Full PDB file with SEQRES, HELIX, SHEET, SSBOND, CRYST1, ORIGX, SCALE, CONECT and MASTER records, all heavy atoms in Angstrom:
SEQRES   1 A   36  LYS GLY VAL PHE SER VAL CYS ALA ILE GLU ASN PHE GLU          
SEQRES   2 A   36  ASN PRO ASN GLY SER GLU GLY ARG VAL LYS TRP GLU ARG          
SEQRES   3 A   36  THR ALA ILE TRP ASN LYS ARG GLU GLU LYS                      
SHEET    1 AA1 2 VAL A   3  GLU A  13  0                                        
SHEET    2 AA1 2 GLU A  19  ILE A  29 -1                                        
CRYST1    1.000    1.000    1.000  90.00  90.00  90.00 P 1           1          
ORIGX1      1.000000  0.000000  0.000000        0.00000                         
ORIGX2      0.000000  1.000000  0.000000        0.00000                         
ORIGX3      0.000000  0.000000  1.000000        0.00000                         
SCALE1      1.000000  0.000000  0.000000        0.00000                         
SCALE2      0.000000  1.000000  0.000000        0.00000                         
SCALE3      0.000000  0.000000  1.000000        0.00000                         
ATOM      1  N   LYS A   1       0.816  -1.236   0.010  1.00  0.00           N  
ATOM      2  CA  LYS A   1      -0.010  -0.022   0.003  1.00  0.00           C  
ATOM      3  C   LYS A   1       0.857   1.268  -0.009  1.00  0.00           C  
ATOM      4  O   LYS A   1       0.359   2.372  -0.186  1.00  0.00           O  
ATOM      5  CB  LYS A   1      -0.934   0.013   1.212  1.00  0.00           C  
ATOM      6  CG  LYS A   1      -2.028  -1.037   1.127  1.00  0.00           C  
ATOM      7  CD  LYS A   1      -2.929  -0.968   2.319  1.00  0.00           C  
ATOM      8  CE  LYS A   1      -4.020  -2.015   2.220  1.00  0.00           C  
ATOM      9  NZ  LYS A   1      -4.879  -2.033   3.413  1.00  0.00           N  
ATOM     10  N   GLY A   2       2.162   1.086   0.230  1.00  0.00           N  
ATOM     11  CA  GLY A   2       3.042   2.248   0.215  1.00  0.00           C  
ATOM     12  C   GLY A   2       2.923   3.099   1.464  1.00  0.00           C  
ATOM     13  O   GLY A   2       2.861   4.317   1.364  1.00  0.00           O  
ATOM     14  N   VAL A   3       2.883   2.468   2.644  1.00  0.00           N  
ATOM     15  CA  VAL A   3       2.762   3.212   3.916  1.00  0.00           C  
ATOM     16  C   VAL A   3       3.927   2.763   4.818  1.00  0.00           C  
ATOM     17  O   VAL A   3       4.191   1.616   4.995  1.00  0.00           O  
ATOM     18  CB  VAL A   3       1.451   2.903   4.617  1.00  0.00           C  
ATOM     19  CG1 VAL A   3       1.393   3.620   5.962  1.00  0.00           C  
ATOM     20  CG2 VAL A   3       0.254   3.358   3.752  1.00  0.00           C  
ATOM     21  N   PHE A   4       4.602   3.767   5.418  1.00  0.00           N  
ATOM     22  CA  PHE A   4       5.652   3.491   6.345  1.00  0.00           C  
ATOM     23  C   PHE A   4       5.603   4.542   7.436  1.00  0.00           C  
ATOM     24  O   PHE A   4       5.641   5.712   7.173  1.00  0.00           O  
ATOM     25  CB  PHE A   4       7.018   3.521   5.634  1.00  0.00           C  
ATOM     26  CG  PHE A   4       8.171   3.190   6.546  1.00  0.00           C  
ATOM     27  CD1 PHE A   4       8.306   1.940   7.145  1.00  0.00           C  
ATOM     28  CD2 PHE A   4       9.157   4.123   6.812  1.00  0.00           C  
ATOM     29  CE1 PHE A   4       9.349   1.630   7.996  1.00  0.00           C  
ATOM     30  CE2 PHE A   4      10.248   3.844   7.646  1.00  0.00           C  
ATOM     31  CZ  PHE A   4      10.323   2.611   8.239  1.00  0.00           C  
ATOM     32  N   SER A   5       5.462   4.093   8.718  1.00  0.00           N  
ATOM     33  CA  SER A   5       5.295   5.036   9.802  1.00  0.00           C  
ATOM     34  C   SER A   5       6.247   4.642  10.955  1.00  0.00           C  
ATOM     35  O   SER A   5       6.312   3.473  11.309  1.00  0.00           O  
ATOM     36  CB  SER A   5       3.852   4.999  10.321  1.00  0.00           C  
ATOM     37  OG  SER A   5       3.656   5.909  11.341  1.00  0.00           O  
ATOM     38  N   VAL A   6       6.980   5.670  11.484  1.00  0.00           N  
ATOM     39  CA  VAL A   6       7.903   5.413  12.562  1.00  0.00           C  
ATOM     40  C   VAL A   6       7.813   6.455  13.642  1.00  0.00           C  
ATOM     41  O   VAL A   6       7.268   7.554  13.442  1.00  0.00           O  
ATOM     42  CB  VAL A   6       9.404   5.354  12.077  1.00  0.00           C  
ATOM     43  CG1 VAL A   6       9.624   4.356  11.025  1.00  0.00           C  
ATOM     44  CG2 VAL A   6       9.831   6.751  11.584  1.00  0.00           C  
ATOM     45  N   CYS A   7       8.316   6.074  14.814  1.00  0.00           N  
ATOM     46  CA  CYS A   7       8.449   7.008  15.927  1.00  0.00           C  
ATOM     47  C   CYS A   7       9.930   7.019  16.340  1.00  0.00           C  
ATOM     48  O   CYS A   7      10.489   5.937  16.566  1.00  0.00           O  
ATOM     49  CB  CYS A   7       7.583   6.555  17.082  1.00  0.00           C  
ATOM     50  SG  CYS A   7       7.796   7.510  18.574  1.00  0.00           S  
ATOM     51  N   ALA A   8      10.551   8.188  16.333  1.00  0.00           N  
ATOM     52  CA  ALA A   8      11.973   8.261  16.724  1.00  0.00           C  
ATOM     53  C   ALA A   8      12.072   9.018  18.030  1.00  0.00           C  
ATOM     54  O   ALA A   8      11.402  10.040  18.275  1.00  0.00           O  
ATOM     55  CB  ALA A   8      12.750   8.990  15.637  1.00  0.00           C  
ATOM     56  N   ILE A   9      12.907   8.507  18.947  1.00  0.00           N  
ATOM     57  CA  ILE A   9      13.147   9.128  20.238  1.00  0.00           C  
ATOM     58  C   ILE A   9      14.636   9.356  20.360  1.00  0.00           C  
ATOM     59  O   ILE A   9      15.443   8.469  20.139  1.00  0.00           O  
ATOM     60  CB  ILE A   9      12.669   8.227  21.399  1.00  0.00           C  
ATOM     61  CG1 ILE A   9      11.167   7.969  21.254  1.00  0.00           C  
ATOM     62  CG2 ILE A   9      12.998   8.855  22.747  1.00  0.00           C  
ATOM     63  CD1 ILE A   9      10.638   6.926  22.174  1.00  0.00           C  
ATOM     64  N   GLU A  10      15.004  10.577  20.742  1.00  0.00           N  
ATOM     65  CA  GLU A  10      16.420  10.939  20.927  1.00  0.00           C  
ATOM     66  C   GLU A  10      16.631  11.341  22.380  1.00  0.00           C  
ATOM     67  O   GLU A  10      15.969  12.221  22.867  1.00  0.00           O  
ATOM     68  CB  GLU A  10      16.823  12.071  19.981  1.00  0.00           C  
ATOM     69  CG  GLU A  10      18.274  12.428  20.125  1.00  0.00           C  
ATOM     70  CD  GLU A  10      18.667  13.678  19.357  1.00  0.00           C  
ATOM     71  OE1 GLU A  10      17.798  14.387  18.858  1.00  0.00           O  
ATOM     72  OE2 GLU A  10      19.881  13.942  19.289  1.00  0.00           O  
ATOM     73  N   ASN A  11      17.566  10.674  23.026  1.00  0.00           N  
ATOM     74  CA  ASN A  11      17.973  11.058  24.371  1.00  0.00           C  
ATOM     75  C   ASN A  11      19.337  11.752  24.221  1.00  0.00           C  
ATOM     76  O   ASN A  11      20.237  11.227  23.585  1.00  0.00           O  
ATOM     77  CB  ASN A  11      18.136   9.839  25.279  1.00  0.00           C  
ATOM     78  CG  ASN A  11      16.784   9.180  25.514  1.00  0.00           C  
ATOM     79  OD1 ASN A  11      15.820   9.799  25.895  1.00  0.00           O  
ATOM     80  ND2 ASN A  11      16.717   7.850  25.298  1.00  0.00           N  
ATOM     81  N   PHE A  12      19.468  12.931  24.811  1.00  0.00           N  
ATOM     82  CA  PHE A  12      20.675  13.730  24.613  1.00  0.00           C  
ATOM     83  C   PHE A  12      21.017  14.439  25.920  1.00  0.00           C  
ATOM     84  O   PHE A  12      20.229  14.483  26.872  1.00  0.00           O  
ATOM     85  CB  PHE A  12      20.515  14.716  23.468  1.00  0.00           C  
ATOM     86  CG  PHE A  12      19.372  15.677  23.701  1.00  0.00           C  
ATOM     87  CD1 PHE A  12      19.643  16.920  24.283  1.00  0.00           C  
ATOM     88  CD2 PHE A  12      18.099  15.391  23.316  1.00  0.00           C  
ATOM     89  CE1 PHE A  12      18.604  17.832  24.504  1.00  0.00           C  
ATOM     90  CE2 PHE A  12      17.052  16.274  23.534  1.00  0.00           C  
ATOM     91  CZ  PHE A  12      17.315  17.499  24.145  1.00  0.00           C  
ATOM     92  N   GLU A  13      22.215  15.064  25.915  1.00  0.00           N  
ATOM     93  CA  GLU A  13      22.684  15.816  27.073  1.00  0.00           C  
ATOM     94  C   GLU A  13      22.598  17.278  26.687  1.00  0.00           C  
ATOM     95  O   GLU A  13      23.143  17.709  25.684  1.00  0.00           O  
ATOM     96  CB  GLU A  13      24.113  15.428  27.411  1.00  0.00           C  
ATOM     97  CG  GLU A  13      24.587  16.064  28.700  1.00  0.00           C  
ATOM     98  CD  GLU A  13      25.969  15.597  29.131  1.00  0.00           C  
ATOM     99  OE1 GLU A  13      26.220  14.369  29.000  1.00  0.00           O  
ATOM    100  OE2 GLU A  13      26.737  16.427  29.542  1.00  0.00           O  
ATOM    101  N   ASN A  14      21.889  18.081  27.486  1.00  0.00           N  
ATOM    102  CA  ASN A  14      21.775  19.518  27.272  1.00  0.00           C  
ATOM    103  C   ASN A  14      23.129  20.205  27.568  1.00  0.00           C  
ATOM    104  O   ASN A  14      23.996  19.610  28.272  1.00  0.00           O  
ATOM    105  CB  ASN A  14      20.730  20.134  28.213  1.00  0.00           C  
ATOM    106  CG  ASN A  14      19.336  19.831  27.683  1.00  0.00           C  
ATOM    107  OD1 ASN A  14      19.014  20.153  26.589  1.00  0.00           O  
ATOM    108  ND2 ASN A  14      18.504  19.242  28.546  1.00  0.00           N  
ATOM    109  N   PRO A  15      23.366  21.410  27.056  1.00  0.00           N  
ATOM    110  CA  PRO A  15      24.615  22.114  27.329  1.00  0.00           C  
ATOM    111  C   PRO A  15      24.896  22.320  28.823  1.00  0.00           C  
ATOM    112  O   PRO A  15      26.045  22.421  29.236  1.00  0.00           O  
ATOM    113  CB  PRO A  15      24.438  23.456  26.649  1.00  0.00           C  
ATOM    114  CG  PRO A  15      23.422  23.207  25.540  1.00  0.00           C  
ATOM    115  CD  PRO A  15      22.500  22.136  26.093  1.00  0.00           C  
ATOM    116  N   ASN A  16      23.807  22.362  29.641  1.00  0.00           N  
ATOM    117  CA  ASN A  16      24.007  22.539  31.093  1.00  0.00           C  
ATOM    118  C   ASN A  16      24.229  21.234  31.832  1.00  0.00           C  
ATOM    119  O   ASN A  16      24.335  21.209  33.027  1.00  0.00           O  
ATOM    120  CB  ASN A  16      22.836  23.292  31.696  1.00  0.00           C  
ATOM    121  CG  ASN A  16      21.537  22.526  31.615  1.00  0.00           C  
ATOM    122  OD1 ASN A  16      21.500  21.357  31.184  1.00  0.00           O  
ATOM    123  ND2 ASN A  16      20.428  23.124  32.009  1.00  0.00           N  
ATOM    124  N   GLY A  17      24.292  20.087  31.076  1.00  0.00           N  
ATOM    125  CA  GLY A  17      24.549  18.811  31.680  1.00  0.00           C  
ATOM    126  C   GLY A  17      23.349  17.949  32.007  1.00  0.00           C  
ATOM    127  O   GLY A  17      23.472  16.746  32.287  1.00  0.00           O  
ATOM    128  N   SER A  18      22.136  18.517  31.961  1.00  0.00           N  
ATOM    129  CA  SER A  18      20.937  17.727  32.235  1.00  0.00           C  
ATOM    130  C   SER A  18      20.574  16.889  31.034  1.00  0.00           C  
ATOM    131  O   SER A  18      20.951  17.163  29.904  1.00  0.00           O  
ATOM    132  CB  SER A  18      19.773  18.674  32.628  1.00  0.00           C  
ATOM    133  OG  SER A  18      19.414  19.479  31.546  1.00  0.00           O  
ATOM    134  N   GLU A  19      19.796  15.862  31.301  1.00  0.00           N  
ATOM    135  CA  GLU A  19      19.353  14.983  30.205  1.00  0.00           C  
ATOM    136  C   GLU A  19      18.106  15.506  29.519  1.00  0.00           C  
ATOM    137  O   GLU A  19      17.232  16.060  30.185  1.00  0.00           O  
ATOM    138  CB  GLU A  19      19.115  13.552  30.747  1.00  0.00           C  
ATOM    139  CG  GLU A  19      20.366  12.825  31.126  1.00  0.00           C  
ATOM    140  CD  GLU A  19      20.101  11.397  31.556  1.00  0.00           C  
ATOM    141  OE1 GLU A  19      18.975  10.912  31.376  1.00  0.00           O  
ATOM    142  OE2 GLU A  19      21.024  10.779  32.095  1.00  0.00           O  
ATOM    143  N   GLY A  20      18.056  15.384  28.247  1.00  0.00           N  
ATOM    144  CA  GLY A  20      16.883  15.784  27.489  1.00  0.00           C  
ATOM    145  C   GLY A  20      16.378  14.647  26.604  1.00  0.00           C  
ATOM    146  O   GLY A  20      17.102  13.723  26.323  1.00  0.00           O  
ATOM    147  N   ARG A  21      15.124  14.773  26.190  1.00  0.00           N  
ATOM    148  CA  ARG A  21      14.523  13.750  25.356  1.00  0.00           C  
ATOM    149  C   ARG A  21      13.509  14.391  24.433  1.00  0.00           C  
ATOM    150  O   ARG A  21      12.659  15.209  24.878  1.00  0.00           O  
ATOM    151  CB  ARG A  21      13.825  12.735  26.229  1.00  0.00           C  
ATOM    152  CG  ARG A  21      13.136  11.598  25.503  1.00  0.00           C  
ATOM    153  CD  ARG A  21      12.494  10.654  26.489  1.00  0.00           C  
ATOM    154  NE  ARG A  21      11.791   9.633  25.735  1.00  0.00           N  
ATOM    155  CZ  ARG A  21      11.578   8.421  26.186  1.00  0.00           C  
ATOM    156  NH1 ARG A  21      12.010   8.083  27.395  1.00  0.00           N  
ATOM    157  NH2 ARG A  21      10.951   7.559  25.469  1.00  0.00           N  
ATOM    158  N   VAL A  22      13.603  14.046  23.170  1.00  0.00           N  
ATOM    159  CA  VAL A  22      12.593  14.508  22.182  1.00  0.00           C  
ATOM    160  C   VAL A  22      12.053  13.278  21.454  1.00  0.00           C  
ATOM    161  O   VAL A  22      12.761  12.332  21.239  1.00  0.00           O  
ATOM    162  CB  VAL A  22      13.141  15.555  21.191  1.00  0.00           C  
ATOM    163  CG1 VAL A  22      13.398  16.867  21.877  1.00  0.00           C  
ATOM    164  CG2 VAL A  22      14.386  15.068  20.495  1.00  0.00           C  
ATOM    165  N   LYS A  23      10.811  13.408  21.038  1.00  0.00           N  
ATOM    166  CA  LYS A  23      10.155  12.300  20.334  1.00  0.00           C  
ATOM    167  C   LYS A  23       9.377  12.891  19.150  1.00  0.00           C  
ATOM    168  O   LYS A  23       8.769  13.955  19.254  1.00  0.00           O  
ATOM    169  CB  LYS A  23       9.161  11.632  21.317  1.00  0.00           C  
ATOM    170  CG  LYS A  23       8.336  10.534  20.732  1.00  0.00           C  
ATOM    171  CD  LYS A  23       7.427   9.943  21.826  1.00  0.00           C  
ATOM    172  CE  LYS A  23       6.479   8.913  21.258  1.00  0.00           C  
ATOM    173  NZ  LYS A  23       5.584   8.384  22.295  1.00  0.00           N  
ATOM    174  N   TRP A  24       9.480  12.199  18.023  1.00  0.00           N  
ATOM    175  CA  TRP A  24       8.760  12.668  16.840  1.00  0.00           C  
ATOM    176  C   TRP A  24       8.279  11.474  16.015  1.00  0.00           C  
ATOM    177  O   TRP A  24       8.975  10.469  15.895  1.00  0.00           O  
ATOM    178  CB  TRP A  24       9.672  13.545  15.966  1.00  0.00           C  
ATOM    179  CG  TRP A  24       8.890  14.367  15.005  1.00  0.00           C  
ATOM    180  CD1 TRP A  24       8.719  14.119  13.702  1.00  0.00           C  
ATOM    181  CD2 TRP A  24       8.208  15.588  15.290  1.00  0.00           C  
ATOM    182  NE1 TRP A  24       7.937  15.078  13.138  1.00  0.00           N  
ATOM    183  CE2 TRP A  24       7.612  15.991  14.093  1.00  0.00           C  
ATOM    184  CE3 TRP A  24       8.015  16.323  16.458  1.00  0.00           C  
ATOM    185  CZ2 TRP A  24       6.834  17.160  14.011  1.00  0.00           C  
ATOM    186  CZ3 TRP A  24       7.248  17.458  16.352  1.00  0.00           C  
ATOM    187  CH2 TRP A  24       6.681  17.882  15.173  1.00  0.00           C  
ATOM    188  N   GLU A  25       7.029  11.565  15.517  1.00  0.00           N  
ATOM    189  CA  GLU A  25       6.478  10.534  14.672  1.00  0.00           C  
ATOM    190  C   GLU A  25       6.321  11.073  13.233  1.00  0.00           C  
ATOM    191  O   GLU A  25       6.045  12.225  13.074  1.00  0.00           O  
ATOM    192  CB  GLU A  25       5.095  10.098  15.191  1.00  0.00           C  
ATOM    193  CG  GLU A  25       5.152   9.378  16.492  1.00  0.00           C  
ATOM    194  CD  GLU A  25       3.807   8.949  17.014  1.00  0.00           C  
ATOM    195  OE1 GLU A  25       2.825   8.977  16.198  1.00  0.00           O  
ATOM    196  OE2 GLU A  25       3.707   8.571  18.192  1.00  0.00           O  
ATOM    197  N   ARG A  26       6.543  10.176  12.289  1.00  0.00           N  
ATOM    198  CA  ARG A  26       6.402  10.575  10.891  1.00  0.00           C  
ATOM    199  C   ARG A  26       5.874   9.379  10.113  1.00  0.00           C  
ATOM    200  O   ARG A  26       6.248   8.251  10.282  1.00  0.00           O  
ATOM    201  CB  ARG A  26       7.771  10.949  10.359  1.00  0.00           C  
ATOM    202  CG  ARG A  26       7.819  11.288   8.889  1.00  0.00           C  
ATOM    203  CD  ARG A  26       7.134  12.607   8.612  1.00  0.00           C  
ATOM    204  NE  ARG A  26       7.367  13.001   7.247  1.00  0.00           N  
ATOM    205  CZ  ARG A  26       6.454  13.578   6.479  1.00  0.00           C  
ATOM    206  NH1 ARG A  26       5.320  13.901   6.969  1.00  0.00           N  
ATOM    207  NH2 ARG A  26       6.728  13.865   5.239  1.00  0.00           N  
ATOM    208  N   THR A  27       4.884   9.678   9.210  1.00  0.00           N  
ATOM    209  CA  THR A  27       4.331   8.665   8.313  1.00  0.00           C  
ATOM    210  C   THR A  27       4.544   9.128   6.876  1.00  0.00           C  
ATOM    211  O   THR A  27       4.307  10.275   6.537  1.00  0.00           O  
ATOM    212  CB  THR A  27       2.820   8.493   8.553  1.00  0.00           C  
ATOM    213  OG1 THR A  27       2.648   8.060   9.929  1.00  0.00           O  
ATOM    214  CG2 THR A  27       2.226   7.450   7.617  1.00  0.00           C  
ATOM    215  N   ALA A  28       5.014   8.212   6.032  1.00  0.00           N  
ATOM    216  CA  ALA A  28       5.157   8.484   4.607  1.00  0.00           C  
ATOM    217  C   ALA A  28       4.209   7.592   3.842  1.00  0.00           C  
ATOM    218  O   ALA A  28       4.051   6.410   4.128  1.00  0.00           O  
ATOM    219  CB  ALA A  28       6.595   8.202   4.177  1.00  0.00           C  
ATOM    220  N   ILE A  29       3.526   8.185   2.861  1.00  0.00           N  
ATOM    221  CA  ILE A  29       2.629   7.463   2.006  1.00  0.00           C  
ATOM    222  C   ILE A  29       3.078   7.631   0.573  1.00  0.00           C  
ATOM    223  O   ILE A  29       3.238   8.755   0.123  1.00  0.00           O  
ATOM    224  CB  ILE A  29       1.139   7.967   2.189  1.00  0.00           C  
ATOM    225  CG1 ILE A  29       0.737   7.787   3.639  1.00  0.00           C  
ATOM    226  CG2 ILE A  29       0.232   7.201   1.229  1.00  0.00           C  
ATOM    227  CD1 ILE A  29      -0.568   8.415   3.969  1.00  0.00           C  
ATOM    228  N   TRP A  30       3.274   6.525  -0.096  1.00  0.00           N  
ATOM    229  CA  TRP A  30       3.797   6.575  -1.491  1.00  0.00           C  
ATOM    230  C   TRP A  30       2.719   7.038  -2.438  1.00  0.00           C  
ATOM    231  O   TRP A  30       1.559   6.561  -2.436  1.00  0.00           O  
ATOM    232  CB  TRP A  30       4.258   5.192  -1.873  1.00  0.00           C  
ATOM    233  CG  TRP A  30       5.029   5.147  -3.172  1.00  0.00           C  
ATOM    234  CD1 TRP A  30       4.512   4.967  -4.399  1.00  0.00           C  
ATOM    235  CD2 TRP A  30       6.407   5.370  -3.328  1.00  0.00           C  
ATOM    236  NE1 TRP A  30       5.494   5.026  -5.322  1.00  0.00           N  
ATOM    237  CE2 TRP A  30       6.682   5.292  -4.718  1.00  0.00           C  
ATOM    238  CE3 TRP A  30       7.459   5.661  -2.478  1.00  0.00           C  
ATOM    239  CZ2 TRP A  30       7.930   5.438  -5.214  1.00  0.00           C  
ATOM    240  CZ3 TRP A  30       8.738   5.786  -2.971  1.00  0.00           C  
ATOM    241  CH2 TRP A  30       8.959   5.710  -4.329  1.00  0.00           C  
ATOM    242  N   ASN A  31       3.031   8.038  -3.215  1.00  0.00           N  
ATOM    243  CA  ASN A  31       2.118   8.528  -4.229  1.00  0.00           C  
ATOM    244  C   ASN A  31       2.203   7.610  -5.434  1.00  0.00           C  
ATOM    245  O   ASN A  31       3.162   7.739  -6.221  1.00  0.00           O  
ATOM    246  CB  ASN A  31       2.419   9.965  -4.581  1.00  0.00           C  
ATOM    247  CG  ASN A  31       1.440  10.587  -5.532  1.00  0.00           C  
ATOM    248  OD1 ASN A  31       0.536   9.893  -6.035  1.00  0.00           O  
ATOM    249  ND2 ASN A  31       1.623  11.862  -5.839  1.00  0.00           N  
ATOM    250  N   LYS A  32       1.190   6.760  -5.616  1.00  0.00           N  
ATOM    251  CA  LYS A  32       1.262   5.786  -6.713  1.00  0.00           C  
ATOM    252  C   LYS A  32       1.128   6.421  -8.071  1.00  0.00           C  
ATOM    253  O   LYS A  32       1.510   5.864  -9.057  1.00  0.00           O  
ATOM    254  CB  LYS A  32       0.199   4.717  -6.489  1.00  0.00           C  
ATOM    255  CG  LYS A  32       0.472   3.883  -5.284  1.00  0.00           C  
ATOM    256  CD  LYS A  32      -0.478   2.738  -5.167  1.00  0.00           C  
ATOM    257  CE  LYS A  32      -0.125   1.918  -3.937  1.00  0.00           C  
ATOM    258  NZ  LYS A  32      -1.010   0.805  -3.718  1.00  0.00           N  
ATOM    259  N   ARG A  33       0.521   7.632  -8.121  1.00  0.00           N  
ATOM    260  CA  ARG A  33       0.375   8.296  -9.409  1.00  0.00           C  
ATOM    261  C   ARG A  33       1.712   8.833  -9.898  1.00  0.00           C  
ATOM    262  O   ARG A  33       1.881   9.050 -11.087  1.00  0.00           O  
ATOM    263  CB  ARG A  33      -0.635   9.471  -9.234  1.00  0.00           C  
ATOM    264  CG  ARG A  33      -2.055   9.006  -9.198  1.00  0.00           C  
ATOM    265  CD  ARG A  33      -2.944  10.184  -9.147  1.00  0.00           C  
ATOM    266  NE  ARG A  33      -3.474  10.245  -7.777  1.00  0.00           N  
ATOM    267  CZ  ARG A  33      -3.902  11.351  -7.217  1.00  0.00           C  
ATOM    268  NH1 ARG A  33      -3.912  12.484  -7.832  1.00  0.00           N  
ATOM    269  NH2 ARG A  33      -4.374  11.344  -6.010  1.00  0.00           N  
ATOM    270  N   GLU A  34       2.622   9.034  -9.001  1.00  0.00           N  
ATOM    271  CA  GLU A  34       3.919   9.608  -9.404  1.00  0.00           C  
ATOM    272  C   GLU A  34       5.025   8.675  -8.961  1.00  0.00           C  
ATOM    273  O   GLU A  34       5.512   8.708  -7.828  1.00  0.00           O  
ATOM    274  CB  GLU A  34       4.104  10.962  -8.764  1.00  0.00           C  
ATOM    275  CG  GLU A  34       5.365  11.679  -9.292  1.00  0.00           C  
ATOM    276  CD  GLU A  34       5.576  12.998  -8.620  1.00  0.00           C  
ATOM    277  OE1 GLU A  34       4.560  13.687  -8.215  1.00  0.00           O  
ATOM    278  OE2 GLU A  34       6.710  13.411  -8.445  1.00  0.00           O  
ATOM    279  N   GLU A  35       5.436   7.765  -9.846  1.00  0.00           N  
ATOM    280  CA  GLU A  35       6.450   6.769  -9.534  1.00  0.00           C  
ATOM    281  C   GLU A  35       7.865   7.350  -9.794  1.00  0.00           C  
ATOM    282  O   GLU A  35       8.836   6.639  -9.670  1.00  0.00           O  
ATOM    283  CB  GLU A  35       6.249   5.527 -10.328  1.00  0.00           C  
ATOM    284  CG  GLU A  35       5.026   4.712  -9.938  1.00  0.00           C  
ATOM    285  CD  GLU A  35       5.201   3.967  -8.622  1.00  0.00           C  
ATOM    286  OE1 GLU A  35       6.324   3.569  -8.328  1.00  0.00           O  
ATOM    287  OE2 GLU A  35       4.228   3.884  -7.887  1.00  0.00           O  
ATOM    288  N   LYS A  36       7.947   8.565 -10.226  1.00  0.00           N  
ATOM    289  CA  LYS A  36       9.234   9.200 -10.528  1.00  0.00           C  
ATOM    290  C   LYS A  36      10.064   9.285  -9.243  1.00  0.00           C  
ATOM    291  O   LYS A  36       9.605   9.693  -8.185  1.00  0.00           O  
ATOM    292  CB  LYS A  36       8.977  10.602 -11.065  1.00  0.00           C  
ATOM    293  CG  LYS A  36      10.230  11.304 -11.595  1.00  0.00           C  
ATOM    294  CD  LYS A  36       9.837  12.611 -12.200  1.00  0.00           C  
ATOM    295  CE  LYS A  36      10.447  13.723 -11.384  1.00  0.00           C  
ATOM    296  NZ  LYS A  36      10.180  15.031 -11.854  1.00  0.00           N  
TER     297      LYS A  36                                                      
MASTER        0    0    0    0    2    0    0    6  296    1    0    3          
END                                                                             
């Protein structure tokens, strides 16, 4: 069907030394009309 969906989570260290976390979801749907 041309569908791919993921959730990415990044754990990182802030410049002040504390831990940070961001999360983002993204879904891609293939446009079958445009196979280019």
